[in-house]
Protein backbone atom coordinates (compact mmCIF):
# COMPACT_ATOMS: atom_id res chain seq x y z
CA UNK A 1 47.57 65.87 -166.10
CA UNK A 2 50.02 66.45 -163.14
CA UNK A 3 53.59 67.52 -163.93
CA UNK A 4 56.64 69.38 -162.34
CA UNK A 5 58.29 72.41 -164.02
CA UNK A 6 61.45 74.07 -163.02
CA UNK A 7 61.04 77.65 -161.91
CA UNK A 8 62.94 80.83 -162.35
CA UNK A 9 65.42 81.12 -160.74
CA UNK A 10 65.90 77.39 -160.64
CA UNK A 11 66.06 76.06 -157.24
CA UNK A 12 64.14 73.58 -154.97
CA UNK A 13 61.89 76.29 -153.71
CA UNK A 14 60.70 77.43 -157.08
CA UNK A 15 59.73 73.90 -158.37
CA UNK A 16 56.12 74.00 -159.47
CA UNK A 17 53.43 71.34 -159.44
CA UNK A 18 51.20 72.27 -162.48
CA UNK A 19 48.45 70.88 -164.62
CA UNK A 20 49.33 70.40 -168.26
CA UNK A 21 47.31 69.28 -171.34
CA UNK A 22 47.33 65.55 -172.07
CA UNK A 23 49.73 64.81 -174.90
CA UNK A 24 47.26 62.76 -176.76
CA UNK A 25 47.66 59.79 -179.01
CA UNK A 26 51.13 58.79 -180.41
CA UNK A 27 52.05 59.55 -184.01
CA UNK A 28 54.11 57.34 -186.35
CA UNK A 29 57.15 55.89 -184.46
CA UNK A 30 56.04 57.15 -181.07
CA UNK A 31 54.57 55.45 -177.99
CA UNK A 32 52.34 56.86 -175.29
CA UNK A 33 53.43 55.76 -171.75
CA UNK A 34 51.71 56.27 -168.45
CA UNK A 35 54.68 57.13 -166.20
CA UNK A 36 54.49 55.62 -162.57
CA UNK A 37 57.93 56.25 -161.21
CA UNK A 38 61.10 58.13 -161.39
CA UNK A 39 64.43 58.13 -159.56
CA UNK A 40 66.68 60.90 -158.41
CA UNK A 41 70.27 61.35 -159.72
CA UNK A 42 72.98 63.96 -159.19
CA UNK A 43 72.42 65.20 -162.74
CA UNK A 44 68.81 65.80 -161.95
CA UNK A 45 69.59 67.62 -158.82
CA UNK A 46 72.11 69.89 -160.87
CA UNK A 47 69.38 70.76 -163.27
CA UNK A 48 66.59 71.63 -160.74
CA UNK A 49 68.92 73.71 -158.68
CA UNK A 50 70.44 75.64 -161.70
CA UNK A 51 73.97 74.12 -161.53
CA UNK A 52 73.32 72.91 -165.06
CA UNK A 53 71.22 75.61 -166.87
CA UNK A 54 68.02 74.33 -168.37
CA UNK A 55 65.15 76.12 -170.21
CA UNK A 56 62.81 77.78 -167.59
CA UNK A 57 59.64 75.54 -167.36
CA UNK A 58 61.43 72.35 -168.25
CA UNK A 59 59.97 69.25 -166.81
CA UNK A 60 62.83 67.49 -164.92
CA UNK A 61 63.91 63.80 -164.25
CA UNK A 62 65.77 61.76 -166.79
CA UNK A 63 64.46 58.36 -165.31
CA UNK A 64 60.97 57.21 -166.07
CA UNK A 65 59.22 53.87 -165.79
CA UNK A 66 55.65 52.95 -166.60
CA UNK A 67 53.16 51.13 -168.97
CA UNK A 68 52.69 51.64 -172.71
CA UNK A 69 49.07 52.74 -173.45
CA UNK A 70 49.24 53.16 -177.14
CA UNK A 71 51.80 52.85 -179.86
CA UNK A 72 51.92 54.79 -183.17
CA UNK A 73 52.35 53.47 -186.73
CA UNK A 74 55.45 51.71 -187.63
CA UNK A 75 56.17 50.66 -183.91
CA UNK A 76 56.67 46.98 -183.71
CA UNK A 77 58.96 46.88 -180.53
CA UNK A 78 56.15 47.46 -178.02
CA UNK A 79 52.52 46.72 -177.49
CA UNK A 80 50.04 48.32 -175.13
CA UNK A 81 50.56 46.84 -171.60
CA UNK A 82 54.32 46.70 -171.91
CA UNK A 83 56.31 47.81 -168.82
CA UNK A 84 58.95 49.97 -170.01
CA UNK A 85 61.78 52.27 -168.70
CA UNK A 86 63.37 55.30 -170.42
CA UNK A 87 66.77 55.75 -171.93
CA UNK A 88 69.12 58.60 -171.03
CA UNK A 89 70.21 59.32 -174.61
CA UNK A 90 67.16 58.48 -176.75
CA UNK A 91 69.09 59.18 -180.04
CA UNK A 92 72.13 57.06 -179.03
CA UNK A 93 70.76 53.53 -179.94
CA UNK A 94 73.99 51.64 -180.42
CA UNK A 95 77.71 51.88 -181.13
CA UNK A 96 80.16 54.37 -179.68
CA UNK A 97 79.36 57.65 -178.03
CA UNK A 98 77.67 60.28 -180.37
CA UNK A 99 77.12 63.18 -178.04
CA UNK A 100 79.18 65.23 -175.56
CA UNK A 101 76.29 66.94 -173.93
CA UNK A 102 72.82 66.63 -172.82
CA UNK A 103 70.76 68.33 -175.70
CA UNK A 104 68.70 65.08 -176.01
CA UNK A 105 68.63 64.01 -172.45
CA UNK A 106 64.99 64.05 -170.82
CA UNK A 107 64.88 66.48 -168.02
CA UNK A 108 67.61 68.69 -169.42
CA UNK A 109 67.62 69.30 -173.19
CA UNK A 110 64.15 68.11 -173.49
CA UNK A 111 61.29 67.49 -171.13
CA UNK A 112 61.65 64.67 -168.66
CA UNK A 113 59.54 62.27 -166.66
CA UNK A 114 58.25 64.23 -163.76
CA UNK A 115 54.72 63.93 -165.51
CA UNK A 116 51.94 61.46 -165.57
CA UNK A 117 51.84 60.74 -169.31
CA UNK A 118 54.61 61.06 -172.04
CA UNK A 119 54.36 60.61 -175.92
CA UNK A 120 57.82 60.01 -177.18
CA UNK A 121 59.89 58.03 -179.83
CA UNK A 122 59.95 54.37 -179.21
CA UNK A 123 63.78 54.56 -179.09
CA UNK A 124 63.37 56.58 -175.89
CA UNK A 125 62.42 53.44 -173.93
CA UNK A 126 63.39 49.77 -173.41
CA UNK A 127 61.49 46.93 -171.83
CA UNK A 128 61.58 46.96 -167.97
CA UNK A 129 62.90 43.66 -166.24
CA UNK A 130 60.15 41.18 -165.81
CA UNK A 131 58.39 41.22 -162.42
CA UNK A 132 60.20 44.61 -161.45
CA UNK A 133 57.97 47.18 -159.98
CA UNK A 134 57.86 50.63 -161.72
CA UNK A 135 59.92 52.05 -158.86
CA UNK A 136 62.62 49.43 -159.30
CA UNK A 137 62.68 49.86 -163.02
CA UNK A 138 63.01 53.66 -162.73
CA UNK A 139 66.48 53.22 -161.00
CA UNK A 140 68.05 51.78 -164.25
CA UNK A 141 67.94 54.54 -166.68
CA UNK A 142 71.02 56.58 -165.24
CA UNK A 143 72.41 54.86 -162.13
CA UNK A 144 71.93 51.38 -163.11
CA UNK A 145 73.31 51.61 -166.63
CA UNK A 146 76.23 53.84 -165.51
CA UNK A 147 77.37 51.03 -163.27
CA UNK A 148 76.84 48.45 -165.96
CA UNK A 149 78.80 50.31 -168.46
CA UNK A 150 81.54 50.89 -166.07
CA UNK A 151 81.99 47.23 -165.03
CA UNK A 152 80.70 45.27 -168.04
CA UNK A 153 80.76 47.31 -171.31
CA UNK A 154 84.05 49.19 -170.67
CA UNK A 155 85.51 47.20 -167.73
CA UNK A 156 85.07 43.78 -169.19
CA UNK A 157 84.68 42.42 -165.66
CA UNK A 158 85.20 38.73 -164.97
CA UNK A 159 84.97 36.43 -162.07
CA UNK A 160 87.81 36.68 -159.64
CA UNK A 161 88.26 40.50 -160.30
CA UNK A 162 88.52 43.05 -157.61
CA UNK A 163 86.20 46.03 -157.57
CA UNK A 164 86.53 49.30 -155.66
CA UNK A 165 83.34 51.31 -155.04
CA UNK A 166 83.19 54.92 -153.35
CA UNK A 167 80.28 55.80 -151.21
CA UNK A 168 76.74 54.48 -151.14
CA UNK A 169 74.87 56.41 -153.80
CA UNK A 170 72.81 54.67 -156.57
CA UNK A 171 75.70 53.91 -158.93
CA UNK A 172 77.96 52.72 -156.28
CA UNK A 173 75.42 50.35 -154.71
CA UNK A 174 74.55 49.02 -158.12
CA UNK A 175 78.19 48.38 -158.73
CA UNK A 176 78.59 46.35 -155.50
CA UNK A 177 75.64 44.26 -156.57
CA UNK A 178 76.60 43.63 -160.13
CA UNK A 179 80.17 42.92 -159.22
CA UNK A 180 79.36 40.40 -156.61
CA UNK A 181 76.72 38.72 -159.05
CA UNK A 182 79.42 38.32 -161.49
CA UNK A 183 81.95 36.64 -159.10
CA UNK A 184 84.11 39.66 -158.25
CA UNK A 185 85.35 40.78 -154.86
CA UNK A 186 84.31 44.19 -153.70
CA UNK A 187 86.02 46.68 -151.54
CA UNK A 188 83.81 49.60 -150.49
CA UNK A 189 84.25 52.95 -148.92
CA UNK A 190 82.15 55.26 -146.91
CA UNK A 191 82.34 57.92 -144.29
CA UNK A 192 79.52 56.24 -142.20
CA UNK A 193 80.10 53.18 -140.09
CA UNK A 194 76.58 52.39 -140.26
CA UNK A 195 76.71 52.46 -143.96
CA UNK A 196 79.83 50.31 -143.98
CA UNK A 197 77.96 47.57 -141.82
CA UNK A 198 75.14 47.55 -144.45
CA UNK A 199 77.86 47.04 -147.20
CA UNK A 200 79.34 44.22 -145.35
CA UNK A 201 76.00 42.69 -144.96
CA UNK A 202 75.56 43.05 -148.65
CA UNK A 203 78.64 40.93 -149.12
CA UNK A 204 81.58 43.43 -149.53
CA UNK A 205 84.68 41.70 -148.74
CA UNK A 206 86.44 44.66 -147.11
CA UNK A 207 85.15 48.14 -146.10
CA UNK A 208 86.98 51.35 -145.43
CA UNK A 209 85.99 54.44 -143.61
CA UNK A 210 87.66 57.15 -145.77
CA UNK A 211 87.34 59.84 -143.04
CA UNK A 212 89.33 57.71 -140.60
CA UNK A 213 91.62 56.46 -143.34
CA UNK A 214 92.25 59.44 -145.61
CA UNK A 215 95.04 57.51 -147.44
CA UNK A 216 92.64 54.73 -148.51
CA UNK A 217 94.37 54.15 -151.72
CA UNK A 218 97.31 52.60 -149.83
CA UNK A 219 94.85 50.66 -147.72
CA UNK A 220 93.30 49.21 -150.81
CA UNK A 221 96.70 48.04 -152.07
CA UNK A 222 97.50 46.50 -148.54
CA UNK A 223 94.10 44.54 -148.89
CA UNK A 224 95.14 43.24 -152.26
CA UNK A 225 98.51 42.20 -151.27
CA UNK A 226 100.28 45.23 -152.75
CA UNK A 227 98.53 44.69 -156.23
CA UNK A 228 95.69 47.15 -156.29
CA UNK A 229 92.18 46.61 -157.69
CA UNK A 230 91.21 45.66 -161.22
CA UNK A 231 88.30 48.25 -161.41
CA UNK A 232 87.26 51.27 -159.71
CA UNK A 233 83.96 53.00 -159.97
CA UNK A 234 85.12 56.55 -159.41
CA UNK A 235 82.21 58.89 -158.41
CA UNK A 236 84.14 61.57 -156.51
CA UNK A 237 86.31 63.17 -159.25
CA UNK A 238 89.32 65.44 -158.55
CA UNK A 239 89.09 64.98 -154.78
CA UNK A 240 89.19 61.21 -154.80
CA UNK A 241 91.05 60.53 -158.20
CA UNK A 242 94.60 60.59 -156.71
CA UNK A 243 93.64 57.98 -154.16
CA UNK A 244 92.07 55.90 -156.89
CA UNK A 245 95.22 56.18 -158.95
CA UNK A 246 97.10 54.86 -155.85
CA UNK A 247 94.49 52.07 -155.42
CA UNK A 248 94.42 50.76 -159.00
CA UNK A 249 96.51 47.84 -160.14
CA UNK A 250 99.17 48.16 -163.00
CA UNK A 251 97.02 47.98 -166.22
CA UNK A 252 93.79 48.40 -164.23
CA UNK A 253 90.65 50.28 -165.02
CA UNK A 254 89.22 53.49 -163.48
CA UNK A 255 85.79 54.37 -164.69
CA UNK A 256 85.42 58.08 -163.99
CA UNK A 257 81.68 58.81 -163.66
CA UNK A 258 81.14 61.70 -161.21
CA UNK A 259 82.39 64.97 -160.04
CA UNK A 260 80.99 65.02 -156.50
CA UNK A 261 84.13 66.70 -155.26
CA UNK A 262 84.42 69.35 -158.03
CA UNK A 263 85.10 69.87 -161.60
CA UNK A 264 88.91 70.37 -161.66
CA UNK A 265 91.92 69.51 -159.68
CA UNK A 266 95.51 68.11 -159.53
CA UNK A 267 96.12 64.66 -160.89
CA UNK A 268 99.26 62.59 -160.28
CA UNK A 269 100.04 62.02 -163.87
CA UNK A 270 103.42 60.51 -163.35
CA UNK A 271 102.06 58.01 -161.03
CA UNK A 272 99.13 57.26 -163.32
CA UNK A 273 101.53 56.74 -166.36
CA UNK A 274 103.63 54.38 -164.23
CA UNK A 275 100.49 52.28 -163.44
CA UNK A 276 99.72 51.98 -167.21
CA UNK A 277 96.10 52.22 -166.12
CA UNK A 278 93.04 53.12 -168.20
CA UNK A 279 90.92 56.07 -167.07
CA UNK A 280 87.67 55.97 -169.04
CA UNK A 281 85.07 58.92 -168.69
CA UNK A 282 81.63 57.52 -168.76
CA UNK A 283 78.27 59.26 -169.22
CA UNK A 284 75.70 56.49 -168.73
CA UNK A 285 75.31 54.37 -172.02
CA UNK A 286 73.24 53.69 -175.10
CA UNK A 287 69.98 51.85 -175.69
CA UNK A 288 71.55 48.54 -176.74
CA UNK A 289 73.64 48.50 -173.52
CA UNK A 290 70.36 49.14 -171.59
CA UNK A 291 68.74 46.20 -173.32
CA UNK A 292 71.63 43.94 -172.62
CA UNK A 293 71.67 45.19 -168.98
CA UNK A 294 68.07 44.19 -168.55
CA UNK A 295 68.69 40.82 -169.78
CA UNK A 296 71.67 40.43 -167.41
CA UNK A 297 69.75 41.65 -164.51
CA UNK A 298 66.91 39.09 -165.16
CA UNK A 299 69.60 36.30 -165.28
CA UNK A 300 71.21 37.45 -162.11
CA UNK A 301 67.90 37.82 -160.12
CA UNK A 302 69.25 41.28 -158.75
CA UNK A 303 66.91 43.89 -157.49
CA UNK A 304 67.84 47.54 -156.78
CA UNK A 305 68.27 49.00 -153.23
CA UNK A 306 65.59 51.68 -152.67
CA UNK A 307 66.25 54.04 -149.80
CA UNK A 308 63.03 55.98 -149.77
CA UNK A 309 59.98 56.70 -151.87
CA UNK A 310 58.34 60.10 -152.38
CA UNK A 311 55.16 61.28 -154.14
CA UNK A 312 55.59 63.51 -157.21
CA UNK A 313 54.39 66.61 -155.42
CA UNK A 314 57.05 65.80 -152.71
CA UNK A 315 59.91 66.19 -155.34
CA UNK A 316 61.69 69.03 -153.47
CA UNK A 317 61.68 67.05 -150.26
CA UNK A 318 63.07 64.13 -152.16
CA UNK A 319 66.04 66.34 -153.51
CA UNK A 320 66.70 67.61 -150.06
CA UNK A 321 66.91 64.12 -148.75
CA UNK A 322 69.45 63.35 -151.61
CA UNK A 323 71.38 66.47 -150.79
CA UNK A 324 71.63 65.39 -147.09
CA UNK A 325 73.80 62.41 -148.09
CA UNK A 326 71.91 60.26 -145.76
CA UNK A 327 70.51 57.84 -148.39
CA UNK A 328 71.83 54.46 -149.13
CA UNK A 329 70.94 53.35 -152.76
CA UNK A 330 68.35 55.07 -154.84
CA UNK A 331 65.64 57.67 -153.91
CA UNK A 332 62.46 57.33 -156.01
CA UNK A 333 59.30 59.07 -156.86
CA UNK A 334 56.08 57.11 -157.45
CA UNK A 335 52.94 58.47 -158.94
């Protein structure tokens, strides 16, 4: 069967399309899944380019969606024919965080879903939303669940809240959609006027070009009558966090989920303390969160925004498209 392996040294030019043996039938507690789609995330890009070291020859991609072909003994949660989507932390089924790293994450600590068939523990998957395509379902494992946890699980979002999103990557676009579906008002930022127009068309109440308005935190406060927003989905990290602290309301919530601007920097701690806000670090979520999200998305009739689809053997080109920053929403692989 066809698969992708990370080369040595790890970079986009050394990604290898290979034929590997079929994994066979599932053992006790396992399921066999025919993978039809995956989606790209910043974490995957970091792995395939060596920014996050992985074992040479590792099969990348944390997200995988497909069809159950067979189930092993003691598996009663799935039957052949079920449409499923992978989980980011297969061993974190419920409760509070149990890991600080990626030793069990597909595509990093263990082989991922850039392959046609996988045999894995049943806990490594949940049911996909009804009537969703495999490409749509594949967007949920990392980006969809991160937005859900930021707003719903840890944020406790409610109708009438205000939400600030940064940029137009997969997590941010999911956050725009989820917030609006739950009756919240969205303020969104981007450096592209064309993307800001698309955000407005999606229903964002206000949009800000952060290049033309570098002190966008103050602009957000002005747009909220000086109060600031209730929730911020913070994907930038140190380069944007000071502005997010300016933009959050007293007692508000900042979900820190990304480090697109770097891994360290200055934080205005005095201002943050005076805001009495909550800064929550987030790395995706657990299996129960994902099951709850799937039910929620079905009730909302929400569908993901897919920017572009690539074939499995075009994976390097897909990552180059991600690196360009031109995408709006999710980039997927279909095979």
